[in-house]
């Protein structure tokens, strides 16, 4: 049954139910990630972004196992593997970060996600992005269904609302309300389109 889920997790990816379906399970979140990659035309298995998420979720699972001493050899091996993976792909997702199911990283790095970052479900993270850097360890919170364009930086204790869009080449240093688009350096919120706009 598990093998069937891994090879064919969903008939179609449902962004509205992925968060509830995955819950707190890193395995289900990983299956959701794979389904999102496939929904967007990627095999998943050939994408370094997917493998970065697999490694992140595996490391997060092992780091939470008790007693610590029993899992120590595997934890050390995963740290070494992560370091080598970061050197090769430039995708650095800290295992202390919180990432919901259905994240897609369609291209390679460089990507840096700080350890105190929280990312919701069904988000998209494109290449050359830094999330959560800044003074005092940052603490960026990103909601569900957020699109983060390439060459974007989200710096400091910033809250990005659900359904927001961070345009390419943007520097976000202040909160972005839900459902809005932030663009520029520093990022400004675009005014809403008038009704009836084509």
C-alpha atoms as a PDB file:
ATOM      1  CA  UNK A   1       0.000   0.000   0.000  1.00  0.00           C
ATOM      2  CA  UNK A   2       2.801   2.440   0.925  1.00  0.00           C
ATOM      3  CA  UNK A   3       4.641   1.700  -2.326  1.00  0.00           C
ATOM      4  CA  UNK A   4       1.467   2.423  -4.272  1.00  0.00           C
ATOM      5  CA  UNK A   5       1.065   5.766  -2.459  1.00  0.00           C
ATOM      6  CA  UNK A   6       4.656   6.787  -3.134  1.00  0.00           C
ATOM      7  CA  UNK A   7       4.499   5.998  -6.837  1.00  0.00           C
ATOM      8  CA  UNK A   8       0.988   7.342  -7.360  1.00  0.00           C
ATOM      9  CA  UNK A   9       0.107   9.568  -4.381  1.00  0.00           C
ATOM     10  CA  UNK A  10      -2.982  11.248  -5.857  1.00  0.00           C
ATOM     11  CA  UNK A  11      -4.927  11.030  -9.070  1.00  0.00           C
ATOM     12  CA  UNK A  12      -4.848  14.814  -9.019  1.00  0.00           C
ATOM     13  CA  UNK A  13      -3.291  17.285  -6.593  1.00  0.00           C
ATOM     14  CA  UNK A  14      -5.845  19.149  -4.480  1.00  0.00           C
ATOM     15  CA  UNK A  15      -4.352  22.310  -3.015  1.00  0.00           C
ATOM     16  CA  UNK A  16      -7.382  22.917  -0.785  1.00  0.00           C
ATOM     17  CA  UNK A  17      -7.092  19.657   1.144  1.00  0.00           C
ATOM     18  CA  UNK A  18      -3.341  18.951   1.193  1.00  0.00           C
ATOM     19  CA  UNK A  19      -2.774  20.633   4.563  1.00  0.00           C
ATOM     20  CA  UNK A  20      -5.477  18.644   6.331  1.00  0.00           C
ATOM     21  CA  UNK A  21      -4.531  15.414   4.539  1.00  0.00           C
ATOM     22  CA  UNK A  22      -0.840  15.619   5.507  1.00  0.00           C
ATOM     23  CA  UNK A  23      -1.377  16.773   9.091  1.00  0.00           C
ATOM     24  CA  UNK A  24       1.857  16.514  11.084  1.00  0.00           C
ATOM     25  CA  UNK A  25       3.201  13.539   9.123  1.00  0.00           C
ATOM     26  CA  UNK A  26       6.481  14.205   7.303  1.00  0.00           C
ATOM     27  CA  UNK A  27       5.878  11.115   5.136  1.00  0.00           C
ATOM     28  CA  UNK A  28       2.495  12.411   3.984  1.00  0.00           C
ATOM     29  CA  UNK A  29       4.001  15.866   3.457  1.00  0.00           C
ATOM     30  CA  UNK A  30       6.679  14.292   1.255  1.00  0.00           C
ATOM     31  CA  UNK A  31       4.035  12.426  -0.750  1.00  0.00           C
ATOM     32  CA  UNK A  32       2.167  15.738  -1.100  1.00  0.00           C
ATOM     33  CA  UNK A  33       5.361  17.395  -2.357  1.00  0.00           C
ATOM     34  CA  UNK A  34       5.753  14.682  -4.988  1.00  0.00           C
ATOM     35  CA  UNK A  35       2.123  15.072  -6.059  1.00  0.00           C
ATOM     36  CA  UNK A  36       2.643  18.844  -6.431  1.00  0.00           C
ATOM     37  CA  UNK A  37       5.735  18.312  -8.594  1.00  0.00           C
ATOM     38  CA  UNK A  38       3.813  15.894 -10.818  1.00  0.00           C
ATOM     39  CA  UNK A  39       0.826  18.231 -11.043  1.00  0.00           C
ATOM     40  CA  UNK A  40       3.175  20.908 -12.399  1.00  0.00           C
ATOM     41  CA  UNK A  41       4.743  18.673 -15.049  1.00  0.00           C
ATOM     42  CA  UNK A  42       7.857  17.516 -13.163  1.00  0.00           C
ATOM     43  CA  UNK A  43       8.623  13.868 -12.442  1.00  0.00           C
ATOM     44  CA  UNK A  44       9.781  14.783  -8.952  1.00  0.00           C
ATOM     45  CA  UNK A  45      12.353  12.007  -8.936  1.00  0.00           C
ATOM     46  CA  UNK A  46      14.553  13.954 -11.376  1.00  0.00           C
ATOM     47  CA  UNK A  47      14.355  17.265  -9.524  1.00  0.00           C
ATOM     48  CA  UNK A  48      16.970  18.451  -7.057  1.00  0.00           C
ATOM     49  CA  UNK A  49      14.249  20.554  -5.421  1.00  0.00           C
ATOM     50  CA  UNK A  50      12.269  17.419  -4.576  1.00  0.00           C
ATOM     51  CA  UNK A  51      15.341  15.658  -3.208  1.00  0.00           C
ATOM     52  CA  UNK A  52      16.078  18.706  -1.049  1.00  0.00           C
ATOM     53  CA  UNK A  53      12.603  18.349   0.454  1.00  0.00           C
ATOM     54  CA  UNK A  54      13.029  14.581   0.938  1.00  0.00           C
ATOM     55  CA  UNK A  55      16.314  15.160   2.765  1.00  0.00           C
ATOM     56  CA  UNK A  56      14.767  17.963   4.846  1.00  0.00           C
ATOM     57  CA  UNK A  57      11.787  15.832   5.893  1.00  0.00           C
ATOM     58  CA  UNK A  58      13.947  12.791   6.631  1.00  0.00           C
ATOM     59  CA  UNK A  59      16.349  14.846   8.737  1.00  0.00           C
ATOM     60  CA  UNK A  60      13.444  16.494  10.575  1.00  0.00           C
ATOM     61  CA  UNK A  61      11.917  13.090  11.357  1.00  0.00           C
ATOM     62  CA  UNK A  62      15.182  11.600  12.632  1.00  0.00           C
ATOM     63  CA  UNK A  63      15.991  14.706  14.717  1.00  0.00           C
ATOM     64  CA  UNK A  64      12.682  14.248  16.584  1.00  0.00           C
ATOM     65  CA  UNK A  65      13.324  10.592  17.468  1.00  0.00           C
ATOM     66  CA  UNK A  66      14.106   9.629  21.070  1.00  0.00           C
ATOM     67  CA  UNK A  67      16.337   8.589  22.734  1.00  0.00           C
ATOM     68  CA  UNK A  68      18.810  10.915  21.008  1.00  0.00           C
ATOM     69  CA  UNK A  69      21.862   8.693  21.581  1.00  0.00           C
ATOM     70  CA  UNK A  70      20.271   5.786  19.704  1.00  0.00           C
ATOM     71  CA  UNK A  71      19.719   7.928  16.589  1.00  0.00           C
ATOM     72  CA  UNK A  72      23.002   9.833  16.827  1.00  0.00           C
ATOM     73  CA  UNK A  73      24.900   7.892  14.070  1.00  0.00           C
ATOM     74  CA  UNK A  74      22.061   8.426  11.586  1.00  0.00           C
ATOM     75  CA  UNK A  75      21.785  12.102  12.569  1.00  0.00           C
ATOM     76  CA  UNK A  76      25.502  12.614  11.907  1.00  0.00           C
ATOM     77  CA  UNK A  77      25.280  10.765   8.583  1.00  0.00           C
ATOM     78  CA  UNK A  78      22.329  12.950   7.501  1.00  0.00           C
ATOM     79  CA  UNK A  79      24.197  16.132   8.490  1.00  0.00           C
ATOM     80  CA  UNK A  80      27.137  15.094   6.320  1.00  0.00           C
ATOM     81  CA  UNK A  81      24.800  14.153   3.453  1.00  0.00           C
ATOM     82  CA  UNK A  82      22.987  17.506   3.788  1.00  0.00           C
ATOM     83  CA  UNK A  83      26.278  19.426   3.675  1.00  0.00           C
ATOM     84  CA  UNK A  84      27.356  17.595   0.513  1.00  0.00           C
ATOM     85  CA  UNK A  85      23.911  18.134  -1.028  1.00  0.00           C
ATOM     86  CA  UNK A  86      24.088  21.878  -0.290  1.00  0.00           C
ATOM     87  CA  UNK A  87      27.555  22.110  -1.853  1.00  0.00           C
ATOM     88  CA  UNK A  88      26.356  20.401  -5.033  1.00  0.00           C
ATOM     89  CA  UNK A  89      22.864  21.929  -5.462  1.00  0.00           C
ATOM     90  CA  UNK A  90      23.081  25.173  -3.417  1.00  0.00           C
ATOM     91  CA  UNK A  91      19.675  24.366  -1.883  1.00  0.00           C
ATOM     92  CA  UNK A  92      19.989  24.832   1.880  1.00  0.00           C
ATOM     93  CA  UNK A  93      16.829  24.125   3.880  1.00  0.00           C
ATOM     94  CA  UNK A  94      17.575  24.082   7.591  1.00  0.00           C
ATOM     95  CA  UNK A  95      16.049  21.053   9.354  1.00  0.00           C
ATOM     96  CA  UNK A  96      14.669  23.260  12.158  1.00  0.00           C
ATOM     97  CA  UNK A  97      12.394  25.109   9.703  1.00  0.00           C
ATOM     98  CA  UNK A  98       8.699  24.216   9.550  1.00  0.00           C
ATOM     99  CA  UNK A  99       7.427  23.511   6.022  1.00  0.00           C
ATOM    100  CA  UNK A 100       3.914  22.406   5.129  1.00  0.00           C
ATOM    101  CA  UNK A 101       3.004  19.806   2.528  1.00  0.00           C
ATOM    102  CA  UNK A 102       2.877  20.558  -1.173  1.00  0.00           C
ATOM    103  CA  UNK A 103       5.921  22.837  -1.473  1.00  0.00           C
ATOM    104  CA  UNK A 104       7.397  22.980  -4.952  1.00  0.00           C
ATOM    105  CA  UNK A 105      10.953  24.041  -5.765  1.00  0.00           C
ATOM    106  CA  UNK A 106      10.891  23.803  -9.557  1.00  0.00           C
ATOM    107  CA  UNK A 107      14.527  24.773 -10.181  1.00  0.00           C
ATOM    108  CA  UNK A 108      17.884  24.458  -8.459  1.00  0.00           C
ATOM    109  CA  UNK A 109      19.556  26.864  -6.075  1.00  0.00           C
ATOM    110  CA  UNK A 110      20.894  28.905  -4.652  1.00  0.00           C
ATOM    111  CA  UNK A 111      18.107  28.781  -2.064  1.00  0.00           C
ATOM    112  CA  UNK A 112      18.500  29.403   1.668  1.00  0.00           C
ATOM    113  CA  UNK A 113      15.730  28.791   4.214  1.00  0.00           C
ATOM    114  CA  UNK A 114      16.627  29.821   7.768  1.00  0.00           C
ATOM    115  CA  UNK A 115      15.937  27.466  10.689  1.00  0.00           C
ATOM    116  CA  UNK A 116      13.322  29.696  12.345  1.00  0.00           C
ATOM    117  CA  UNK A 117      11.259  30.027   9.167  1.00  0.00           C
ATOM    118  CA  UNK A 118       7.711  28.660   8.964  1.00  0.00           C
ATOM    119  CA  UNK A 119       6.246  27.992   5.524  1.00  0.00           C
ATOM    120  CA  UNK A 120       2.625  26.908   5.053  1.00  0.00           C
ATOM    121  CA  UNK A 121       1.217  24.337   2.654  1.00  0.00           C
ATOM    122  CA  UNK A 122       0.957  24.533  -1.152  1.00  0.00           C
ATOM    123  CA  UNK A 123       3.680  27.154  -1.615  1.00  0.00           C
ATOM    124  CA  UNK A 124       6.094  27.680  -4.499  1.00  0.00           C
ATOM    125  CA  UNK A 125       9.733  28.654  -3.961  1.00  0.00           C
ATOM    126  CA  UNK A 126      11.820  29.573  -6.986  1.00  0.00           C
ATOM    127  CA  UNK A 127      15.573  29.775  -7.464  1.00  0.00           C
ATOM    128  CA  UNK A 128      17.977  32.344  -5.972  1.00  0.00           C
ATOM    129  CA  UNK A 129      15.876  33.022  -2.859  1.00  0.00           C
ATOM    130  CA  UNK A 130      16.786  33.744   0.735  1.00  0.00           C
ATOM    131  CA  UNK A 131      14.097  33.356   3.369  1.00  0.00           C
ATOM    132  CA  UNK A 132      14.385  34.278   7.007  1.00  0.00           C
ATOM    133  CA  UNK A 133      17.860  35.782   7.184  1.00  0.00           C
ATOM    134  CA  UNK A 134      18.377  38.799   9.363  1.00  0.00           C
ATOM    135  CA  UNK A 135      19.181  39.949  12.884  1.00  0.00           C
ATOM    136  CA  UNK A 136      18.434  37.748  15.894  1.00  0.00           C
ATOM    137  CA  UNK A 137      17.766  34.640  13.821  1.00  0.00           C
ATOM    138  CA  UNK A 138      14.845  36.074  11.898  1.00  0.00           C
ATOM    139  CA  UNK A 139      11.570  34.153  12.237  1.00  0.00           C
ATOM    140  CA  UNK A 140       9.763  34.640   8.939  1.00  0.00           C
ATOM    141  CA  UNK A 141       6.221  33.233   8.777  1.00  0.00           C
ATOM    142  CA  UNK A 142       4.791  32.420   5.347  1.00  0.00           C
ATOM    143  CA  UNK A 143       1.146  31.409   4.980  1.00  0.00           C
ATOM    144  CA  UNK A 144      -0.487  28.850   2.706  1.00  0.00           C
ATOM    145  CA  UNK A 145      -0.635  29.098  -1.114  1.00  0.00           C
ATOM    146  CA  UNK A 146       2.186  31.681  -1.317  1.00  0.00           C
ATOM    147  CA  UNK A 147       4.179  32.152  -4.530  1.00  0.00           C
ATOM    148  CA  UNK A 148       7.769  33.348  -4.098  1.00  0.00           C
ATOM    149  CA  UNK A 149       9.364  34.416  -7.373  1.00  0.00           C
ATOM    150  CA  UNK A 150      12.993  33.955  -8.343  1.00  0.00           C
ATOM    151  CA  UNK A 151      15.710  36.284  -6.984  1.00  0.00           C
ATOM    152  CA  UNK A 152      13.543  37.241  -3.988  1.00  0.00           C
ATOM    153  CA  UNK A 153      14.668  37.855  -0.429  1.00  0.00           C
ATOM    154  CA  UNK A 154      12.418  37.821   2.624  1.00  0.00           C
ATOM    155  CA  UNK A 155      14.430  39.273   5.484  1.00  0.00           C
ATOM    156  CA  UNK A 156      13.649  39.490   9.195  1.00  0.00           C
ATOM    157  CA  UNK A 157      10.532  38.777  11.248  1.00  0.00           C
ATOM    158  CA  UNK A 158       8.106  39.204   8.381  1.00  0.00           C
ATOM    159  CA  UNK A 159       4.630  37.702   8.015  1.00  0.00           C
ATOM    160  CA  UNK A 160       3.436  36.809   4.514  1.00  0.00           C
ATOM    161  CA  UNK A 161      -0.339  36.234   4.413  1.00  0.00           C
ATOM    162  CA  UNK A 162      -2.137  33.333   2.719  1.00  0.00           C
ATOM    163  CA  UNK A 163      -2.347  33.532  -1.064  1.00  0.00           C
ATOM    164  CA  UNK A 164       0.188  36.347  -1.327  1.00  0.00           C
ATOM    165  CA  UNK A 165       2.602  36.642  -4.232  1.00  0.00           C
ATOM    166  CA  UNK A 166       6.197  37.851  -3.961  1.00  0.00           C
ATOM    167  CA  UNK A 167       7.269  39.050  -7.399  1.00  0.00           C
ATOM    168  CA  UNK A 168      10.670  38.212  -8.857  1.00  0.00           C
ATOM    169  CA  UNK A 169      13.617  40.387  -7.746  1.00  0.00           C
ATOM    170  CA  UNK A 170      11.810  41.660  -4.653  1.00  0.00           C
ATOM    171  CA  UNK A 171      13.206  42.446  -1.207  1.00  0.00           C
ATOM    172  CA  UNK A 172      10.560  41.933   1.462  1.00  0.00           C
ATOM    173  CA  UNK A 173      11.329  43.565   4.823  1.00  0.00           C
ATOM    174  CA  UNK A 174       7.776  44.253   6.030  1.00  0.00           C
ATOM    175  CA  UNK A 175       4.553  42.264   6.318  1.00  0.00           C
ATOM    176  CA  UNK A 176       2.592  41.338   3.196  1.00  0.00           C
ATOM    177  CA  UNK A 177      -1.210  41.036   3.657  1.00  0.00           C
ATOM    178  CA  UNK A 178      -3.054  37.936   2.475  1.00  0.00           C
ATOM    179  CA  UNK A 179      -3.999  37.844  -1.201  1.00  0.00           C
ATOM    180  CA  UNK A 180      -1.774  40.745  -2.249  1.00  0.00           C
ATOM    181  CA  UNK A 181       1.288  41.073  -4.475  1.00  0.00           C
ATOM    182  CA  UNK A 182       4.563  42.566  -3.239  1.00  0.00           C
ATOM    183  CA  UNK A 183       7.079  43.871  -5.763  1.00  0.00           C
ATOM    184  CA  UNK A 184      10.236  45.956  -5.752  1.00  0.00           C
ATOM    185  CA  UNK A 185      13.241  46.819  -3.586  1.00  0.00           C
ATOM    186  CA  UNK A 186      12.105  47.299  -0.909  1.00  0.00           C
ATOM    187  CA  UNK A 187       8.843  45.567  -1.764  1.00  0.00           C
ATOM    188  CA  UNK A 188       5.662  47.609  -2.002  1.00  0.00           C
ATOM    189  CA  UNK A 189       2.137  46.219  -2.107  1.00  0.00           C
ATOM    190  CA  UNK A 190       0.496  46.551  -5.513  1.00  0.00           C
ATOM    191  CA  UNK A 191      -2.937  48.177  -5.434  1.00  0.00           C
ATOM    192  CA  UNK A 192      -5.802  45.801  -6.227  1.00  0.00           C
ATOM    193  CA  UNK A 193      -6.980  45.639  -9.811  1.00  0.00           C
ATOM    194  CA  UNK A 194     -10.260  47.437 -10.489  1.00  0.00           C
ATOM    195  CA  UNK A 195     -13.355  45.312 -11.000  1.00  0.00           C
ATOM    196  CA  UNK A 196     -13.950  44.271 -14.551  1.00  0.00           C
ATOM    197  CA  UNK A 197     -10.225  44.317 -15.346  1.00  0.00           C
ATOM    198  CA  UNK A 198      -9.584  41.876 -18.189  1.00  0.00           C
END
